[in-house]
Amino acid sequence: MTDAAISQAPVRRSQPRGAFVARIFEAVCFTAATALLATLGGLLVSLFIGGWPAFKRFGPAFFTTSTWNPVTDVYGAAGPIVGTLVTAAIALLISLPIAGGVAFFLTELCPAKLRRPIGTAVELLAGIPSIVYGMWGLFVFAPLFSKYVQMPMMMAAKPGSLLEKLTVGVPNGSGILSASIILAIMILPFMAATLRELLQTVPAAVRESAYALGATTAEVVMSVTLPYVRGGAIGAVMLGLGRALGETMAVTFIIGNAHGMPGSLFDSGSTIASTIANEFTEATSPVHSSALIALGFVLFVITFVVLALARLMLRNAEQRR
């Protein structure tokens, strides 16, 4: 063979070491992602099929009425849906400023000796089981809340005033506001720990540059640190909201478990998760079981919508930058 033929012959390259392992790794990752999507889709379809008899029987009234009567097999999910949204929203309004304050304190203001103990305490609070929060709320928080908050506010409310409308109810320590406060205590350490980790990702040079220009701590936090982690912070908040929407045992202990539409902050109510937990073992009729499964489908959709809104907010935040 001539030198020209040798130069024109295709060059065979040997496969790099580990190429076979790389293909196996890619296949495993693809299988895991596909299995996750298949599981998610199967869960959604099974919930819809299980709840279809209730959707078909009651129609739009299932979402617009609050009558929940297992004796007559009449079910309306408006009460649990409103209770879920209201308690989660109030819990987020209460916990978000405190969680942000804790995260900023640990990152910017806390002495070095106290930073690790306080951070560890926050992480431990995030790991406490929800049923412990529920028992504490029922046996400790509810009596104190009734004595020092509900009773004084109800006595101070003038007849016909807005405060009277917001505080109507039985002053037993249970209700929408009590459940919201317990939820806020539950999601607060989770959000604070997540926000602290995000704030620690801000390069030290960015903070030092702002301080070198004469900025105060508040200006550094609001103008430099917070915009730097805006996307991750929105995600952390939405994850906390998602946990509040789906919380079961703690809410079941303290919300009062009344299926009607709540009329005030002190009124008893229910959430989707607490309704399912309370009644699923006692659901003997097919319509009752289907109504509970339909509630699970509604909760799934609400959580999905919340996460979708979080992704939309993140995308809009990235486009503004």
C-alpha atoms as a PDB file:
ATOM      1  CA  MET A   1       0.000   0.000   0.000  1.00  0.00           C
ATOM      2  CA  THR A   2       1.336   3.367  -1.009  1.00  0.00           C
ATOM      3  CA  ASP A   3       1.780   6.321   1.287  1.00  0.00           C
ATOM      4  CA  ALA A   4      -1.159   8.143  -0.420  1.00  0.00           C
ATOM      5  CA  ALA A   5      -3.515   5.208   0.188  1.00  0.00           C
ATOM      6  CA  ILE A   6      -2.434   5.004   3.794  1.00  0.00           C
ATOM      7  CA  SER A   7      -3.110   8.742   4.283  1.00  0.00           C
ATOM      8  CA  GLN A   8      -6.615   8.410   2.717  1.00  0.00           C
ATOM      9  CA  ALA A   9      -7.635   5.392   4.821  1.00  0.00           C
ATOM     10  CA  PRO A  10     -10.175   6.157   7.588  1.00  0.00           C
ATOM     11  CA  VAL A  11      -8.689   6.516  11.020  1.00  0.00           C
ATOM     12  CA  ARG A  12     -10.188   4.208  13.595  1.00  0.00           C
ATOM     13  CA  ARG A  13     -10.288   5.772  17.014  1.00  0.00           C
ATOM     14  CA  SER A  14     -10.507   3.561  20.016  1.00  0.00           C
ATOM     15  CA  GLN A  15     -13.341   4.255  22.417  1.00  0.00           C
ATOM     16  CA  PRO A  16     -12.294   6.137  25.522  1.00  0.00           C
ATOM     17  CA  ARG A  17     -12.140   4.246  28.739  1.00  0.00           C
ATOM     18  CA  GLY A  18     -15.440   4.328  30.576  1.00  0.00           C
ATOM     19  CA  ALA A  19     -17.579   4.882  27.439  1.00  0.00           C
ATOM     20  CA  PHE A  20     -19.668   1.786  28.211  1.00  0.00           C
ATOM     21  CA  VAL A  21     -20.226   2.945  31.784  1.00  0.00           C
ATOM     22  CA  ALA A  22     -21.231   6.389  30.470  1.00  0.00           C
ATOM     23  CA  ARG A  23     -23.900   4.839  28.233  1.00  0.00           C
ATOM     24  CA  ILE A  24     -25.261   2.834  31.163  1.00  0.00           C
ATOM     25  CA  PHE A  25     -25.329   5.970  33.301  1.00  0.00           C
ATOM     26  CA  GLU A  26     -27.255   7.883  30.611  1.00  0.00           C
ATOM     27  CA  ALA A  27     -29.751   5.037  30.286  1.00  0.00           C
ATOM     28  CA  VAL A  28     -30.296   4.905  34.048  1.00  0.00           C
ATOM     29  CA  CYS A  29     -30.847   8.668  34.245  1.00  0.00           C
ATOM     30  CA  PHE A  30     -33.281   8.588  31.322  1.00  0.00           C
ATOM     31  CA  THR A  31     -35.170   5.697  32.904  1.00  0.00           C
ATOM     32  CA  ALA A  32     -35.409   7.500  36.228  1.00  0.00           C
ATOM     33  CA  ALA A  33     -36.736  10.680  34.630  1.00  0.00           C
ATOM     34  CA  THR A  34     -39.228   8.749  32.509  1.00  0.00           C
ATOM     35  CA  ALA A  35     -40.397   6.705  35.488  1.00  0.00           C
ATOM     36  CA  LEU A  36     -40.947   9.882  37.491  1.00  0.00           C
ATOM     37  CA  LEU A  37     -43.046  11.460  34.756  1.00  0.00           C
ATOM     38  CA  ALA A  38     -44.977   8.218  34.249  1.00  0.00           C
ATOM     39  CA  THR A  39     -45.678   7.977  37.982  1.00  0.00           C
ATOM     40  CA  LEU A  40     -46.845  11.581  38.101  1.00  0.00           C
ATOM     41  CA  GLY A  41     -49.114  11.100  35.105  1.00  0.00           C
ATOM     42  CA  GLY A  42     -50.454   7.809  36.445  1.00  0.00           C
ATOM     43  CA  LEU A  43     -51.248   9.402  39.798  1.00  0.00           C
ATOM     44  CA  LEU A  44     -53.114  12.255  38.140  1.00  0.00           C
ATOM     45  CA  VAL A  45     -55.094   9.919  35.869  1.00  0.00           C
ATOM     46  CA  SER A  46     -55.976   7.510  38.690  1.00  0.00           C
ATOM     47  CA  LEU A  47     -57.198  10.370  40.895  1.00  0.00           C
ATOM     48  CA  PHE A  48     -59.335  11.728  38.077  1.00  0.00           C
ATOM     49  CA  ILE A  49     -60.819   8.309  37.306  1.00  0.00           C
ATOM     50  CA  GLY A  50     -61.511   7.661  40.990  1.00  0.00           C
ATOM     51  CA  GLY A  51     -63.162  11.054  41.425  1.00  0.00           C
ATOM     52  CA  TRP A  52     -65.098  10.993  38.160  1.00  0.00           C
ATOM     53  CA  PRO A  53     -68.310   9.563  39.718  1.00  0.00           C
ATOM     54  CA  ALA A  54     -68.442  12.529  42.106  1.00  0.00           C
ATOM     55  CA  PHE A  55     -67.652  15.024  39.330  1.00  0.00           C
ATOM     56  CA  LYS A  56     -70.320  13.462  37.117  1.00  0.00           C
ATOM     57  CA  ARG A  57     -72.996  13.330  39.819  1.00  0.00           C
ATOM     58  CA  PHE A  58     -72.595  16.805  41.312  1.00  0.00           C
ATOM     59  CA  GLY A  59     -71.088  18.723  38.401  1.00  0.00           C
ATOM     60  CA  PRO A  60     -70.019  22.320  39.070  1.00  0.00           C
ATOM     61  CA  ALA A  61     -71.927  22.212  42.367  1.00  0.00           C
ATOM     62  CA  PHE A  62     -69.110  20.076  43.748  1.00  0.00           C
ATOM     63  CA  PHE A  63     -66.876  23.163  43.654  1.00  0.00           C
ATOM     64  CA  THR A  64     -69.440  25.854  44.493  1.00  0.00           C
ATOM     65  CA  THR A  65     -71.413  24.391  47.422  1.00  0.00           C
ATOM     66  CA  SER A  66     -70.278  23.575  50.957  1.00  0.00           C
ATOM     67  CA  THR A  67     -72.855  20.932  51.874  1.00  0.00           C
ATOM     68  CA  TRP A  68     -71.047  17.788  53.005  1.00  0.00           C
ATOM     69  CA  ASN A  69     -73.490  15.162  54.253  1.00  0.00           C
ATOM     70  CA  PRO A  70     -72.439  11.489  54.185  1.00  0.00           C
ATOM     71  CA  VAL A  71     -75.922  10.448  55.360  1.00  0.00           C
ATOM     72  CA  THR A  72     -77.629  11.738  52.223  1.00  0.00           C
ATOM     73  CA  ASP A  73     -74.566  11.291  49.981  1.00  0.00           C
ATOM     74  CA  VAL A  74     -74.437  14.979  49.098  1.00  0.00           C
ATOM     75  CA  TYR A  75     -70.949  16.458  48.855  1.00  0.00           C
ATOM     76  CA  GLY A  76     -69.711  19.948  48.104  1.00  0.00           C
ATOM     77  CA  ALA A  77     -66.017  20.762  48.301  1.00  0.00           C
ATOM     78  CA  ALA A  78     -66.187  24.556  48.525  1.00  0.00           C
ATOM     79  CA  GLY A  79     -65.580  24.586  52.294  1.00  0.00           C
ATOM     80  CA  PRO A  80     -62.406  22.446  52.273  1.00  0.00           C
ATOM     81  CA  ILE A  81     -61.074  24.230  49.171  1.00  0.00           C
ATOM     82  CA  VAL A  82     -61.542  27.680  50.709  1.00  0.00           C
ATOM     83  CA  GLY A  83     -60.113  26.466  54.017  1.00  0.00           C
ATOM     84  CA  THR A  84     -57.028  25.116  52.263  1.00  0.00           C
ATOM     85  CA  LEU A  85     -56.362  28.330  50.352  1.00  0.00           C
ATOM     86  CA  VAL A  86     -57.090  30.680  53.269  1.00  0.00           C
ATOM     87  CA  THR A  87     -54.977  28.842  55.850  1.00  0.00           C
ATOM     88  CA  ALA A  88     -52.046  28.493  53.449  1.00  0.00           C
ATOM     89  CA  ALA A  89     -52.219  32.165  52.439  1.00  0.00           C
ATOM     90  CA  ILE A  90     -52.378  33.426  56.032  1.00  0.00           C
ATOM     91  CA  ALA A  91     -49.567  31.086  57.059  1.00  0.00           C
ATOM     92  CA  LEU A  92     -47.402  32.428  54.242  1.00  0.00           C
ATOM     93  CA  LEU A  93     -48.150  36.048  55.185  1.00  0.00           C
ATOM     94  CA  ILE A  94     -47.146  35.343  58.784  1.00  0.00           C
ATOM     95  CA  SER A  95     -44.067  33.214  58.165  1.00  0.00           C
ATOM     96  CA  LEU A  96     -42.448  34.943  55.188  1.00  0.00           C
ATOM     97  CA  PRO A  97     -41.321  38.181  56.946  1.00  0.00           C
ATOM     98  CA  ILE A  98     -40.070  36.244  59.969  1.00  0.00           C
ATOM     99  CA  ALA A  99     -38.249  33.662  57.850  1.00  0.00           C
ATOM    100  CA  GLY A 100     -36.621  36.425  55.817  1.00  0.00           C
ATOM    101  CA  GLY A 101     -35.584  38.218  58.992  1.00  0.00           C
ATOM    102  CA  VAL A 102     -34.050  35.064  60.454  1.00  0.00           C
ATOM    103  CA  ALA A 103     -32.161  34.327  57.232  1.00  0.00           C
ATOM    104  CA  PHE A 104     -30.800  37.873  56.905  1.00  0.00           C
ATOM    105  CA  PHE A 105     -29.838  37.967  60.591  1.00  0.00           C
ATOM    106  CA  LEU A 106     -27.884  34.723  60.324  1.00  0.00           C
ATOM    107  CA  THR A 107     -26.152  35.890  57.163  1.00  0.00           C
ATOM    108  CA  GLU A 108     -25.452  39.560  57.810  1.00  0.00           C
ATOM    109  CA  LEU A 109     -25.802  40.433  61.501  1.00  0.00           C
ATOM    110  CA  CYS A 110     -25.358  37.363  63.679  1.00  0.00           C
ATOM    111  CA  PRO A 111     -22.061  37.069  65.622  1.00  0.00           C
ATOM    112  CA  ALA A 112     -19.858  34.263  64.381  1.00  0.00           C
ATOM    113  CA  LYS A 113     -20.113  32.339  67.672  1.00  0.00           C
ATOM    114  CA  LEU A 114     -23.919  32.237  67.539  1.00  0.00           C
ATOM    115  CA  ARG A 115     -24.317  31.650  63.815  1.00  0.00           C
ATOM    116  CA  ARG A 116     -23.882  27.886  63.882  1.00  0.00           C
ATOM    117  CA  PRO A 117     -25.990  27.158  67.013  1.00  0.00           C
ATOM    118  CA  ILE A 118     -28.895  29.258  65.785  1.00  0.00           C
ATOM    119  CA  GLY A 119     -28.655  27.792  62.293  1.00  0.00           C
ATOM    120  CA  THR A 120     -28.647  24.271  63.712  1.00  0.00           C
ATOM    121  CA  ALA A 121     -31.696  25.098  65.843  1.00  0.00           C
ATOM    122  CA  VAL A 122     -33.563  26.346  62.766  1.00  0.00           C
ATOM    123  CA  GLU A 123     -32.741  23.158  60.873  1.00  0.00           C
ATOM    124  CA  LEU A 124     -33.891  21.023  63.812  1.00  0.00           C
ATOM    125  CA  LEU A 125     -37.209  22.867  63.904  1.00  0.00           C
ATOM    126  CA  ALA A 126     -37.667  22.106  60.218  1.00  0.00           C
ATOM    127  CA  GLY A 127     -37.311  18.379  60.941  1.00  0.00           C
ATOM    128  CA  ILE A 128     -39.947  18.095  63.681  1.00  0.00           C
ATOM    129  CA  PRO A 129     -42.831  15.798  62.573  1.00  0.00           C
ATOM    130  CA  SER A 130     -46.100  17.531  61.815  1.00  0.00           C
ATOM    131  CA  ILE A 131     -48.073  15.479  64.314  1.00  0.00           C
ATOM    132  CA  VAL A 132     -45.910  16.922  67.109  1.00  0.00           C
ATOM    133  CA  TYR A 133     -46.872  20.419  65.984  1.00  0.00           C
ATOM    134  CA  GLY A 134     -50.500  19.328  65.930  1.00  0.00           C
ATOM    135  CA  MET A 135     -50.441  17.916  69.457  1.00  0.00           C
ATOM    136  CA  TRP A 136     -48.628  20.989  70.760  1.00  0.00           C
ATOM    137  CA  GLY A 137     -51.159  23.200  69.031  1.00  0.00           C
ATOM    138  CA  LEU A 138     -54.134  21.347  70.501  1.00  0.00           C
ATOM    139  CA  PHE A 139     -52.952  20.932  74.080  1.00  0.00           C
ATOM    140  CA  VAL A 140     -50.706  23.989  74.589  1.00  0.00           C
ATOM    141  CA  PHE A 141     -51.315  26.639  71.956  1.00  0.00           C
ATOM    142  CA  ALA A 142     -55.119  26.431  71.672  1.00  0.00           C
ATOM    143  CA  PRO A 143     -55.902  27.128  75.381  1.00  0.00           C
ATOM    144  CA  LEU A 144     -53.462  30.047  75.480  1.00  0.00           C
ATOM    145  CA  PHE A 145     -54.744  31.422  72.179  1.00  0.00           C
ATOM    146  CA  SER A 146     -58.323  31.214  73.414  1.00  0.00           C
ATOM    147  CA  LYS A 147     -57.564  32.954  76.707  1.00  0.00           C
ATOM    148  CA  TYR A 148     -55.206  35.698  75.579  1.00  0.00           C
ATOM    149  CA  VAL A 149     -56.230  36.348  71.958  1.00  0.00           C
ATOM    150  CA  GLN A 150     -59.714  35.149  71.067  1.00  0.00           C
ATOM    151  CA  MET A 151     -61.550  36.265  74.177  1.00  0.00           C
ATOM    152  CA  PRO A 152     -59.979  39.764  74.378  1.00  0.00           C
ATOM    153  CA  MET A 153     -60.536  40.409  70.660  1.00  0.00           C
ATOM    154  CA  MET A 154     -64.141  39.214  70.754  1.00  0.00           C
ATOM    155  CA  MET A 155     -64.869  41.365  73.809  1.00  0.00           C
ATOM    156  CA  ALA A 156     -63.190  44.408  72.265  1.00  0.00           C
ATOM    157  CA  ALA A 157     -65.114  44.116  68.985  1.00  0.00           C
ATOM    158  CA  LYS A 158     -67.924  46.642  68.634  1.00  0.00           C
ATOM    159  CA  PRO A 159     -71.289  45.308  67.405  1.00  0.00           C
ATOM    160  CA  GLY A 160     -71.534  45.546  63.637  1.00  0.00           C
ATOM    161  CA  SER A 161     -67.875  46.380  63.130  1.00  0.00           C
ATOM    162  CA  LEU A 162     -65.456  44.620  60.802  1.00  0.00           C
ATOM    163  CA  LEU A 163     -63.553  43.232  63.769  1.00  0.00           C
ATOM    164  CA  GLU A 164     -66.718  41.561  65.032  1.00  0.00           C
ATOM    165  CA  LYS A 165     -67.270  39.893  61.644  1.00  0.00           C
ATOM    166  CA  LEU A 166     -63.688  38.649  61.599  1.00  0.00           C
ATOM    167  CA  THR A 167     -63.782  37.278  65.156  1.00  0.00           C
ATOM    168  CA  VAL A 168     -67.197  35.564  65.277  1.00  0.00           C
ATOM    169  CA  GLY A 169     -66.950  32.008  66.557  1.00  0.00           C
ATOM    170  CA  VAL A 170     -66.563  29.783  69.567  1.00  0.00           C
ATOM    171  CA  PRO A 171     -63.516  30.864  71.628  1.00  0.00           C
ATOM    172  CA  ASN A 172     -62.114  27.371  72.094  1.00  0.00           C
ATOM    173  CA  GLY A 173     -58.705  28.003  70.533  1.00  0.00           C
ATOM    174  CA  SER A 174     -59.471  26.106  67.330  1.00  0.00           C
ATOM    175  CA  GLY A 175     -60.279  27.569  63.966  1.00  0.00           C
ATOM    176  CA  ILE A 176     -58.917  29.009  60.755  1.00  0.00           C
ATOM    177  CA  LEU A 177     -56.505  31.481  62.353  1.00  0.00           C
ATOM    178  CA  SER A 178     -55.172  28.929  64.853  1.00  0.00           C
ATOM    179  CA  ALA A 179     -54.478  26.451  62.063  1.00  0.00           C
ATOM    180  CA  SER A 180     -52.815  29.178  60.008  1.00  0.00           C
ATOM    181  CA  ILE A 181     -50.495  30.098  62.878  1.00  0.00           C
ATOM    182  CA  ILE A 182     -49.513  26.452  63.390  1.00  0.00           C
ATOM    183  CA  LEU A 183     -48.849  26.133  59.660  1.00  0.00           C
ATOM    184  CA  ALA A 184     -46.753  29.299  59.782  1.00  0.00           C
ATOM    185  CA  ILE A 185     -44.665  27.878  62.622  1.00  0.00           C
ATOM    186  CA  MET A 186     -44.184  24.685  60.617  1.00  0.00           C
ATOM    187  CA  ILE A 187     -43.062  26.210  57.335  1.00  0.00           C
ATOM    188  CA  LEU A 188     -41.074  29.061  58.905  1.00  0.00           C
ATOM    189  CA  PRO A 189     -37.900  27.070  59.740  1.00  0.00           C
ATOM    190  CA  PHE A 190     -37.979  25.352  56.360  1.00  0.00           C
ATOM    191  CA  MET A 191     -38.172  28.665  54.527  1.00  0.00           C
ATOM    192  CA  ALA A 192     -35.612  30.306  56.822  1.00  0.00           C
ATOM    193  CA  ALA A 193     -33.094  27.490  56.319  1.00  0.00           C
ATOM    194  CA  THR A 194     -33.573  27.548  52.547  1.00  0.00           C
ATOM    195  CA  LEU A 195     -33.251  31.331  52.338  1.00  0.00           C
ATOM    196  CA  ARG A 196     -30.134  31.244  54.503  1.00  0.00           C
ATOM    197  CA  GLU A 197     -28.480  28.744  52.169  1.00  0.00           C
ATOM    198  CA  LEU A 198     -29.377  30.952  49.214  1.00  0.00           C
ATOM    199  CA  LEU A 199     -27.966  34.060  50.855  1.00  0.00           C
ATOM    200  CA  GLN A 200     -24.719  32.257  51.586  1.00  0.00           C
ATOM    201  CA  THR A 201     -24.245  31.712  47.840  1.00  0.00           C
ATOM    202  CA  VAL A 202     -23.817  35.465  47.292  1.00  0.00           C
ATOM    203  CA  PRO A 203     -20.104  36.087  46.694  1.00  0.00           C
ATOM    204  CA  ALA A 204     -18.385  37.933  49.499  1.00  0.00           C
ATOM    205  CA  ALA A 205     -16.887  40.360  46.980  1.00  0.00           C
ATOM    206  CA  VAL A 206     -20.370  41.546  46.030  1.00  0.00           C
ATOM    207  CA  ARG A 207     -21.241  42.421  49.633  1.00  0.00           C
ATOM    208  CA  GLU A 208     -17.828  43.962  50.328  1.00  0.00           C
ATOM    209  CA  SER A 209     -18.096  46.157  47.234  1.00  0.00           C
ATOM    210  CA  ALA A 210     -21.430  47.518  48.420  1.00  0.00           C
ATOM    211  CA  TYR A 211     -20.074  48.179  51.914  1.00  0.00           C
ATOM    212  CA  ALA A 212     -17.011  49.856  50.421  1.00  0.00           C
ATOM    213  CA  LEU A 213     -19.298  52.292  48.603  1.00  0.00           C
ATOM    214  CA  GLY A 214     -20.830  53.299  51.930  1.00  0.00           C
ATOM    215  CA  ALA A 215     -24.008  51.224  51.829  1.00  0.00           C
ATOM    216  CA  THR A 216     -25.681  50.276  55.095  1.00  0.00           C
ATOM    217  CA  THR A 217     -26.634  46.729  56.010  1.00  0.00           C
ATOM    218  CA  ALA A 218     -30.258  47.345  55.050  1.00  0.00           C
ATOM    219  CA  GLU A 219     -29.194  48.787  51.679  1.00  0.00           C
ATOM    220  CA  VAL A 220     -26.900  45.832  51.022  1.00  0.00           C
ATOM    221  CA  VAL A 221     -29.688  43.387  51.815  1.00  0.00           C
ATOM    222  CA  MET A 222     -32.403  45.134  49.793  1.00  0.00           C
ATOM    223  CA  SER A 223     -30.345  46.350  46.845  1.00  0.00           C
ATOM    224  CA  VAL A 224     -27.618  43.731  46.460  1.00  0.00           C
ATOM    225  CA  THR A 225     -28.220  40.465  48.293  1.00  0.00           C
ATOM    226  CA  LEU A 226     -31.943  40.014  47.752  1.00  0.00           C
ATOM    227  CA  PRO A 227     -31.910  40.764  43.990  1.00  0.00           C
ATOM    228  CA  TYR A 228     -28.983  38.360  43.593  1.00  0.00           C
ATOM    229  CA  VAL A 229     -31.019  35.422  44.976  1.00  0.00           C
ATOM    230  CA  ARG A 230     -34.470  36.565  43.804  1.00  0.00           C
ATOM    231  CA  GLY A 231     -35.169  33.506  41.684  1.00  0.00           C
ATOM    232  CA  GLY A 232     -34.189  30.987  44.328  1.00  0.00           C
ATOM    233  CA  ALA A 233     -36.056  32.948  47.009  1.00  0.00           C
ATOM    234  CA  ILE A 234     -39.286  32.780  45.008  1.00  0.00           C
ATOM    235  CA  GLY A 235     -38.815  29.045  44.640  1.00  0.00           C
ATOM    236  CA  ALA A 236     -38.232  28.626  48.387  1.00  0.00           C
ATOM    237  CA  VAL A 237     -41.387  30.594  49.186  1.00  0.00           C
ATOM    238  CA  MET A 238     -43.464  28.541  46.771  1.00  0.00           C
ATOM    239  CA  LEU A 239     -42.111  25.302  48.217  1.00  0.00           C
ATOM    240  CA  GLY A 240     -43.164  26.494  51.660  1.00  0.00           C
ATOM    241  CA  LEU A 241     -46.602  27.357  50.296  1.00  0.00           C
ATOM    242  CA  GLY A 242     -46.842  23.914  48.728  1.00  0.00           C
ATOM    243  CA  ARG A 243     -46.105  22.291  52.070  1.00  0.00           C
ATOM    244  CA  ALA A 244     -48.749  24.452  53.749  1.00  0.00           C
ATOM    245  CA  LEU A 245     -51.333  23.450  51.132  1.00  0.00           C
ATOM    246  CA  GLY A 246     -50.778  19.744  51.662  1.00  0.00           C
ATOM    247  CA  GLU A 247     -50.238  19.630  55.445  1.00  0.00           C
ATOM    248  CA  THR A 248     -52.544  17.104  57.090  1.00  0.00           C
ATOM    249  CA  MET A 249     -52.113  16.069  60.719  1.00  0.00           C
ATOM    250  CA  ALA A 250     -51.209  19.394  62.311  1.00  0.00           C
ATOM    251  CA  VAL A 251     -54.174  21.094  60.650  1.00  0.00           C
ATOM    252  CA  THR A 252     -56.519  18.236  61.528  1.00  0.00           C
ATOM    253  CA  PHE A 253     -55.745  18.691  65.226  1.00  0.00           C
ATOM    254  CA  ILE A 254     -56.411  22.423  65.408  1.00  0.00           C
ATOM    255  CA  ILE A 255     -58.763  23.610  62.624  1.00  0.00           C
ATOM    256  CA  GLY A 256     -62.020  22.338  64.111  1.00  0.00           C
ATOM    257  CA  ASN A 257     -62.975  20.053  61.175  1.00  0.00           C
ATOM    258  CA  ALA A 258     -66.265  21.727  60.180  1.00  0.00           C
ATOM    259  CA  HIS A 259     -67.183  21.273  56.522  1.00  0.00           C
ATOM    260  CA  GLY A 260     -69.135  24.504  56.157  1.00  0.00           C
ATOM    261  CA  MET A 261     -67.799  27.681  54.634  1.00  0.00           C
ATOM    262  CA  PRO A 262     -65.776  29.551  57.294  1.00  0.00           C
ATOM    263  CA  GLY A 263     -67.341  32.869  58.164  1.00  0.00           C
ATOM    264  CA  SER A 264     -64.533  34.403  60.230  1.00  0.00           C
ATOM    265  CA  LEU A 265     -60.935  33.888  61.288  1.00  0.00           C
ATOM    266  CA  PHE A 266     -62.046  32.269  64.558  1.00  0.00           C
ATOM    267  CA  ASP A 267     -64.605  30.036  62.881  1.00  0.00           C
ATOM    268  CA  SER A 268     -64.007  26.291  62.580  1.00  0.00           C
ATOM    269  CA  GLY A 269     -63.212  24.958  59.141  1.00  0.00           C
ATOM    270  CA  SER A 270     -61.487  22.196  57.233  1.00  0.00           C
ATOM    271  CA  THR A 271     -58.935  21.674  54.514  1.00  0.00           C
ATOM    272  CA  ILE A 272     -58.773  19.155  51.729  1.00  0.00           C
ATOM    273  CA  ALA A 273     -56.057  17.148  53.452  1.00  0.00           C
ATOM    274  CA  SER A 274     -57.802  17.151  56.842  1.00  0.00           C
ATOM    275  CA  THR A 275     -61.102  16.066  55.284  1.00  0.00           C
ATOM    276  CA  ILE A 276     -59.462  13.129  53.539  1.00  0.00           C
ATOM    277  CA  ALA A 277     -57.603  12.110  56.701  1.00  0.00           C
ATOM    278  CA  ASN A 278     -60.734  12.282  58.843  1.00  0.00           C
ATOM    279  CA  GLU A 279     -63.161  10.445  56.586  1.00  0.00           C
ATOM    280  CA  PHE A 280     -61.359   8.092  54.238  1.00  0.00           C
ATOM    281  CA  THR A 281     -61.453   5.127  56.638  1.00  0.00           C
ATOM    282  CA  GLU A 282     -65.164   5.736  57.261  1.00  0.00           C
ATOM    283  CA  ALA A 283     -66.183   6.150  53.623  1.00  0.00           C
ATOM    284  CA  THR A 284     -68.502   3.199  53.076  1.00  0.00           C
ATOM    285  CA  SER A 285     -70.519   4.366  50.060  1.00  0.00           C
ATOM    286  CA  PRO A 286     -68.953   4.575  46.591  1.00  0.00           C
ATOM    287  CA  VAL A 287     -70.032   8.202  46.235  1.00  0.00           C
ATOM    288  CA  HIS A 288     -68.334   9.152  49.512  1.00  0.00           C
ATOM    289  CA  SER A 289     -65.088   7.478  48.475  1.00  0.00           C
ATOM    290  CA  SER A 290     -65.273   9.101  45.052  1.00  0.00           C
ATOM    291  CA  ALA A 291     -65.817  12.535  46.612  1.00  0.00           C
ATOM    292  CA  LEU A 292     -62.709  12.124  48.778  1.00  0.00           C
ATOM    293  CA  ILE A 293     -60.641  11.002  45.792  1.00  0.00           C
ATOM    294  CA  ALA A 294     -61.992  13.995  43.872  1.00  0.00           C
ATOM    295  CA  LEU A 295     -60.751  16.216  46.704  1.00  0.00           C
ATOM    296  CA  GLY A 296     -57.326  14.638  46.296  1.00  0.00           C
ATOM    297  CA  PHE A 297     -57.423  15.452  42.588  1.00  0.00           C
ATOM    298  CA  VAL A 298     -58.355  19.071  43.360  1.00  0.00           C
ATOM    299  CA  LEU A 299     -55.466  19.352  45.830  1.00  0.00           C
ATOM    300  CA  PHE A 300     -53.114  17.928  43.214  1.00  0.00           C
ATOM    301  CA  VAL A 301     -54.271  20.533  40.689  1.00  0.00           C
ATOM    302  CA  ILE A 302     -53.950  23.387  43.200  1.00  0.00           C
ATOM    303  CA  THR A 303     -50.390  22.353  44.058  1.00  0.00           C
ATOM    304  CA  PHE A 304     -49.520  22.025  40.376  1.00  0.00           C
ATOM    305  CA  VAL A 305     -50.915  25.508  39.676  1.00  0.00           C
ATOM    306  CA  VAL A 306     -48.858  26.961  42.552  1.00  0.00           C
ATOM    307  CA  LEU A 307     -45.659  25.405  41.198  1.00  0.00           C
ATOM    308  CA  ALA A 308     -46.504  26.565  37.676  1.00  0.00           C
ATOM    309  CA  LEU A 309     -46.972  30.116  38.947  1.00  0.00           C
ATOM    310  CA  ALA A 310     -43.614  29.838  40.698  1.00  0.00           C
ATOM    311  CA  ARG A 311     -41.936  28.860  37.445  1.00  0.00           C
ATOM    312  CA  LEU A 312     -43.659  31.752  35.660  1.00  0.00           C
ATOM    313  CA  MET A 313     -42.496  34.203  38.318  1.00  0.00           C
ATOM    314  CA  LEU A 314     -38.951  32.870  38.058  1.00  0.00           C
ATOM    315  CA  ARG A 315     -38.970  33.266  34.282  1.00  0.00           C
ATOM    316  CA  ASN A 316     -40.292  36.816  34.502  1.00  0.00           C
ATOM    317  CA  ALA A 317     -37.668  37.657  37.133  1.00  0.00           C
ATOM    318  CA  GLU A 318     -34.909  36.319  34.900  1.00  0.00           C
ATOM    319  CA  GLN A 319     -36.180  38.293  31.925  1.00  0.00           C
ATOM    320  CA  ARG A 320     -36.095  41.558  33.905  1.00  0.00           C
ATOM    321  CA  ARG A 321     -32.469  41.036  34.919  1.00  0.00           C
END
